[in-house]
Amino acid sequence: MEQDERSGFEVERDKLNKKRKEDSVRRKRVFLLALHDGGTVRQACKAAGIKRESVRTWIKTDDEFSKEYDIAK
């Protein structure tokens, strides 16, 4: 199916997925900045509006985040 032939549902789903990805990137950035500025993991999670489990998941699944995390802490 070409871009123009997608259903309204598919278009909206893709927009939502893009928004979620952008939100995740923003939350990771806020978390890392807060941690780098001397905050604890708990404080950085609060600043980013995430749970600690998100950080654990990102460390396991996102090599770039994992490296940045090691630098920030």
N, C-alpha and C. Protein backbone atom coordinates (compact mmCIF):
# COMPACT_ATOMS: atom_id res chain seq x y z
N MET A 1 0.84 -1.17 0.00
CA MET A 1 0.00 0.00 0.00
C MET A 1 0.89 1.24 0.00
N GLU A 2 0.64 2.16 -0.89
CA GLU A 2 1.42 3.38 -0.96
C GLU A 2 0.95 4.36 0.12
N GLN A 3 1.77 5.35 0.37
CA GLN A 3 1.48 6.36 1.39
C GLN A 3 0.08 6.93 1.22
N ASP A 4 -0.34 7.24 -0.01
CA ASP A 4 -1.63 7.87 -0.27
C ASP A 4 -2.80 6.91 -0.08
N GLU A 5 -2.54 5.62 -0.06
CA GLU A 5 -3.60 4.63 0.03
C GLU A 5 -3.85 4.14 1.45
N ARG A 6 -3.15 4.69 2.41
CA ARG A 6 -3.33 4.22 3.78
C ARG A 6 -4.69 4.68 4.32
N SER A 7 -5.25 3.85 5.19
CA SER A 7 -6.54 4.20 5.78
C SER A 7 -6.33 5.29 6.84
N GLY A 8 -7.41 5.92 7.21
CA GLY A 8 -7.35 6.94 8.26
C GLY A 8 -6.78 6.37 9.55
N PHE A 9 -7.14 5.13 9.86
CA PHE A 9 -6.62 4.48 11.05
C PHE A 9 -5.10 4.35 10.99
N GLU A 10 -4.59 3.92 9.86
CA GLU A 10 -3.14 3.74 9.72
C GLU A 10 -2.40 5.07 9.83
N VAL A 11 -2.96 6.11 9.26
CA VAL A 11 -2.35 7.44 9.34
C VAL A 11 -2.30 7.89 10.80
N GLU A 12 -3.42 7.76 11.51
CA GLU A 12 -3.48 8.18 12.91
C GLU A 12 -2.57 7.33 13.79
N ARG A 13 -2.51 6.03 13.51
CA ARG A 13 -1.63 5.14 14.27
C ARG A 13 -0.17 5.57 14.10
N ASP A 14 0.20 5.89 12.87
CA ASP A 14 1.57 6.31 12.59
C ASP A 14 1.90 7.63 13.29
N LYS A 15 0.94 8.54 13.31
CA LYS A 15 1.14 9.81 14.01
C LYS A 15 1.35 9.57 15.50
N LEU A 16 0.54 8.69 16.08
CA LEU A 16 0.64 8.38 17.50
C LEU A 16 1.98 7.73 17.82
N ASN A 17 2.41 6.79 16.97
CA ASN A 17 3.69 6.13 17.18
C ASN A 17 4.85 7.13 17.10
N LYS A 18 4.76 8.07 16.17
CA LYS A 18 5.79 9.10 16.04
C LYS A 18 5.82 9.98 17.29
N LYS A 19 4.64 10.34 17.78
CA LYS A 19 4.55 11.18 18.98
C LYS A 19 5.13 10.44 20.19
N ARG A 20 4.82 9.16 20.31
CA ARG A 20 5.35 8.36 21.43
C ARG A 20 6.88 8.31 21.38
N LYS A 21 7.42 8.11 20.19
CA LYS A 21 8.88 8.04 20.04
C LYS A 21 9.52 9.37 20.41
N GLU A 22 8.92 10.47 19.92
CA GLU A 22 9.44 11.80 20.25
C GLU A 22 9.36 12.05 21.75
N ASP A 23 8.27 11.62 22.38
CA ASP A 23 8.10 11.80 23.81
C ASP A 23 9.16 11.00 24.57
N SER A 24 9.43 9.79 24.12
CA SER A 24 10.43 8.95 24.75
C SER A 24 11.82 9.59 24.65
N VAL A 25 12.15 10.12 23.49
CA VAL A 25 13.44 10.78 23.29
C VAL A 25 13.56 11.98 24.23
N ARG A 26 12.48 12.76 24.35
CA ARG A 26 12.48 13.93 25.23
C ARG A 26 12.66 13.51 26.68
N ARG A 27 11.94 12.49 27.10
CA ARG A 27 12.05 12.02 28.50
C ARG A 27 13.45 11.50 28.80
N LYS A 28 14.05 10.79 27.86
CA LYS A 28 15.41 10.31 28.05
C LYS A 28 16.37 11.49 28.22
N ARG A 29 16.20 12.51 27.40
CA ARG A 29 17.06 13.69 27.46
C ARG A 29 16.92 14.40 28.81
N VAL A 30 15.68 14.60 29.25
CA VAL A 30 15.44 15.26 30.53
C VAL A 30 16.04 14.44 31.68
N PHE A 31 15.83 13.14 31.64
CA PHE A 31 16.39 12.26 32.67
C PHE A 31 17.91 12.40 32.74
N LEU A 32 18.56 12.28 31.59
CA LEU A 32 20.02 12.32 31.56
C LEU A 32 20.56 13.69 32.01
N LEU A 33 19.89 14.76 31.62
CA LEU A 33 20.33 16.09 32.05
C LEU A 33 20.20 16.25 33.56
N ALA A 34 19.08 15.79 34.11
CA ALA A 34 18.87 15.88 35.56
C ALA A 34 19.90 15.04 36.31
N LEU A 35 20.19 13.87 35.81
CA LEU A 35 21.18 13.01 36.44
C LEU A 35 22.57 13.63 36.34
N HIS A 36 22.90 14.16 35.18
CA HIS A 36 24.20 14.79 34.96
C HIS A 36 24.39 16.00 35.87
N ASP A 37 23.30 16.72 36.13
CA ASP A 37 23.38 17.92 36.97
C ASP A 37 23.48 17.60 38.46
N GLY A 38 23.67 16.33 38.78
CA GLY A 38 23.92 15.94 40.16
C GLY A 38 22.73 15.34 40.88
N GLY A 39 21.65 15.16 40.18
CA GLY A 39 20.48 14.56 40.81
C GLY A 39 20.66 13.06 40.97
N THR A 40 19.86 12.50 41.85
CA THR A 40 19.83 11.05 42.01
C THR A 40 18.97 10.46 40.90
N VAL A 41 19.01 9.15 40.77
CA VAL A 41 18.17 8.48 39.77
C VAL A 41 16.71 8.79 40.09
N ARG A 42 16.34 8.75 41.35
CA ARG A 42 14.96 9.03 41.74
C ARG A 42 14.56 10.45 41.34
N GLN A 43 15.43 11.41 41.60
CA GLN A 43 15.14 12.80 41.25
C GLN A 43 15.05 12.98 39.73
N ALA A 44 15.95 12.32 39.00
CA ALA A 44 15.95 12.43 37.55
C ALA A 44 14.69 11.80 36.96
N CYS A 45 14.26 10.69 37.54
CA CYS A 45 13.01 10.06 37.10
C CYS A 45 11.83 11.00 37.32
N LYS A 46 11.81 11.63 38.47
CA LYS A 46 10.73 12.56 38.77
C LYS A 46 10.73 13.74 37.79
N ALA A 47 11.91 14.26 37.49
CA ALA A 47 12.02 15.38 36.56
C ALA A 47 11.52 14.99 35.17
N ALA A 48 11.78 13.75 34.77
CA ALA A 48 11.39 13.29 33.43
C ALA A 48 9.98 12.71 33.39
N GLY A 49 9.39 12.51 34.57
CA GLY A 49 8.04 11.95 34.63
C GLY A 49 8.00 10.48 34.24
N ILE A 50 9.03 9.74 34.67
CA ILE A 50 9.10 8.32 34.32
C ILE A 50 9.30 7.48 35.57
N LYS A 51 9.13 6.18 35.42
CA LYS A 51 9.39 5.23 36.50
C LYS A 51 10.81 4.69 36.34
N ARG A 52 11.36 4.22 37.43
CA ARG A 52 12.72 3.67 37.38
C ARG A 52 12.81 2.47 36.44
N GLU A 53 11.72 1.74 36.32
CA GLU A 53 11.71 0.59 35.41
C GLU A 53 11.98 1.02 33.97
N SER A 54 11.53 2.21 33.60
CA SER A 54 11.81 2.72 32.25
C SER A 54 13.31 2.86 32.04
N VAL A 55 14.00 3.35 33.05
CA VAL A 55 15.45 3.52 32.96
C VAL A 55 16.12 2.17 32.79
N ARG A 56 15.69 1.19 33.59
CA ARG A 56 16.27 -0.15 33.48
C ARG A 56 16.06 -0.72 32.08
N THR A 57 14.87 -0.53 31.54
CA THR A 57 14.57 -1.02 30.20
C THR A 57 15.44 -0.33 29.16
N TRP A 58 15.55 0.99 29.26
CA TRP A 58 16.36 1.75 28.30
C TRP A 58 17.82 1.32 28.35
N ILE A 59 18.34 1.07 29.55
CA ILE A 59 19.74 0.63 29.70
C ILE A 59 19.95 -0.70 28.96
N LYS A 60 18.96 -1.58 29.06
CA LYS A 60 19.06 -2.90 28.43
C LYS A 60 18.86 -2.86 26.91
N THR A 61 18.03 -1.93 26.44
CA THR A 61 17.63 -1.98 25.04
C THR A 61 18.17 -0.86 24.16
N ASP A 62 18.77 0.16 24.77
CA ASP A 62 19.23 1.32 24.00
C ASP A 62 20.70 1.57 24.34
N ASP A 63 21.58 1.12 23.45
CA ASP A 63 23.02 1.24 23.70
C ASP A 63 23.46 2.68 23.89
N GLU A 64 22.93 3.58 23.10
CA GLU A 64 23.31 4.99 23.21
C GLU A 64 22.88 5.55 24.57
N PHE A 65 21.66 5.25 24.98
CA PHE A 65 21.21 5.71 26.29
C PHE A 65 22.08 5.12 27.39
N SER A 66 22.40 3.85 27.28
CA SER A 66 23.22 3.18 28.29
C SER A 66 24.58 3.87 28.45
N LYS A 67 25.19 4.23 27.33
CA LYS A 67 26.48 4.93 27.38
C LYS A 67 26.33 6.30 28.03
N GLU A 68 25.30 7.03 27.63
CA GLU A 68 25.05 8.36 28.20
C GLU A 68 24.73 8.27 29.68
N TYR A 69 24.03 7.23 30.07
CA TYR A 69 23.72 7.00 31.48
C TYR A 69 24.99 6.82 32.29
N ASP A 70 25.90 5.99 31.78
CA ASP A 70 27.17 5.75 32.48
C ASP A 70 27.97 7.05 32.62
N ILE A 71 27.93 7.90 31.63
CA ILE A 71 28.65 9.17 31.69
C ILE A 71 27.98 10.11 32.70
N ALA A 72 26.66 10.14 32.70
CA ALA A 72 25.91 11.09 33.53
C ALA A 72 25.97 10.78 35.02
N LYS A 73 26.06 9.51 35.36
CA LYS A 73 26.00 9.19 36.80
C LYS A 73 27.28 9.35 37.53
